[in-house]
Amino acid sequence: MKKILRMWSISAIRGPGSYSAGHIPNAFSLNDGNVKEYIESADKEKPLIVCCYHGISSRGAAEHLSQNGFKEVYSMTGGFEAWPD
């Protein structure tokens, strides 16, 4: 699992309060307040896993990021709830 975390970026599509309450280790918070800056500055060649709590909101976020030039974006099925502890 640690090797995957080095090769991929993981974003948590959760508001600041939800992110603080829990997120996948090493995931960064991506939300309405910082998504524009992230799109402008991120490495669009590095694969990205997008995760929300249930795996529903992340689908739309992954599509938005793909439309903005990210080469490999995946929505995590089942979301944060499905992440093994």
Protein backbone atom coordinates (compact mmCIF):
# COMPACT_ATOMS: atom_id res chain seq x y z
CA MET A 1 0.00 0.00 0.00
CA LYS A 2 2.84 2.44 0.77
CA LYS A 3 4.24 1.98 -2.74
CA ILE A 4 0.86 2.97 -4.22
CA LEU A 5 0.80 6.11 -2.10
CA ARG A 6 4.19 7.19 -3.52
CA MET A 7 3.17 6.60 -7.13
CA TRP A 8 -0.25 8.22 -6.91
CA SER A 9 -1.76 11.36 -5.46
CA ILE A 10 -4.91 10.89 -3.41
CA SER A 11 -7.34 13.74 -2.93
CA ALA A 12 -10.15 13.83 -0.42
CA ILE A 13 -13.19 15.65 -1.80
CA ARG A 14 -14.49 16.70 1.57
CA GLY A 15 -15.06 20.00 3.28
CA PRO A 16 -12.55 21.11 5.91
CA GLY A 17 -14.64 19.81 8.83
CA SER A 18 -15.21 16.40 7.25
CA TYR A 19 -11.55 16.18 6.21
CA SER A 20 -10.47 16.91 9.78
CA ALA A 21 -12.82 14.23 11.08
CA GLY A 22 -11.13 11.59 8.93
CA HIS A 23 -9.43 10.94 5.62
CA ILE A 24 -7.16 8.44 3.89
CA PRO A 25 -3.56 8.75 5.12
CA ASN A 26 -1.53 11.18 2.97
CA ALA A 27 -4.63 12.35 1.09
CA PHE A 28 -4.82 16.08 0.55
CA SER A 29 -8.01 18.06 0.87
CA LEU A 30 -9.54 19.22 -2.41
CA ASN A 31 -12.65 21.35 -2.16
CA ASP A 32 -14.43 24.33 -3.69
CA GLY A 33 -12.00 26.68 -1.95
CA ASN A 34 -8.82 25.28 -3.48
CA VAL A 35 -9.74 23.31 -6.62
CA LYS A 36 -8.99 26.17 -9.04
CA GLU A 37 -5.50 26.66 -7.60
CA TYR A 38 -4.90 22.91 -7.66
CA ILE A 39 -5.90 22.66 -11.33
CA GLU A 40 -3.51 25.49 -12.19
CA SER A 41 -0.51 24.18 -10.23
CA ALA A 42 -0.69 20.36 -10.00
CA ASP A 43 1.30 17.85 -12.02
CA LYS A 44 -1.35 16.67 -14.47
CA GLU A 45 0.80 13.71 -15.51
CA LYS A 46 0.80 12.11 -12.05
CA PRO A 47 -2.06 9.64 -11.56
CA LEU A 48 -4.72 10.85 -9.15
CA ILE A 49 -7.27 8.98 -7.07
CA VAL A 50 -10.24 11.12 -6.04
CA CYS A 51 -12.11 10.03 -2.95
CA CYS A 52 -15.18 11.32 -1.13
CA TYR A 53 -17.07 9.73 1.76
CA HIS A 54 -19.31 7.33 -0.17
CA GLY A 55 -17.78 7.42 -3.66
CA ILE A 56 -20.51 9.46 -5.32
CA SER A 57 -19.22 13.07 -5.32
CA SER A 58 -15.78 11.91 -6.38
CA ARG A 59 -17.13 10.76 -9.76
CA GLY A 60 -18.07 14.30 -10.74
CA ALA A 61 -14.83 15.69 -9.35
CA ALA A 62 -12.79 13.15 -11.32
CA GLU A 63 -14.64 14.07 -14.50
CA HIS A 64 -14.03 17.79 -13.86
CA LEU A 65 -10.31 17.19 -13.33
CA SER A 66 -10.10 15.09 -16.49
CA GLN A 67 -11.79 17.86 -18.46
CA ASN A 68 -9.13 20.22 -17.10
CA GLY A 69 -6.18 18.26 -18.43
CA PHE A 70 -5.41 15.58 -15.84
CA LYS A 71 -4.25 12.47 -17.71
CA GLU A 72 -5.15 9.72 -15.22
CA VAL A 73 -7.94 10.41 -12.73
CA TYR A 74 -9.92 7.73 -10.94
CA SER A 75 -12.86 7.93 -8.58
CA MET A 76 -12.49 5.53 -5.67
CA THR A 77 -15.44 3.15 -5.62
CA GLY A 78 -17.02 3.09 -2.16
CA GLY A 79 -15.13 6.19 -1.04
CA PHE A 80 -13.54 6.74 2.35
CA GLU A 81 -15.92 4.18 3.85
CA ALA A 82 -14.34 1.45 1.71
CA TRP A 83 -10.71 2.27 2.60
CA PRO A 84 -9.14 -0.55 4.63
CA ASP A 85 -7.82 0.57 8.01
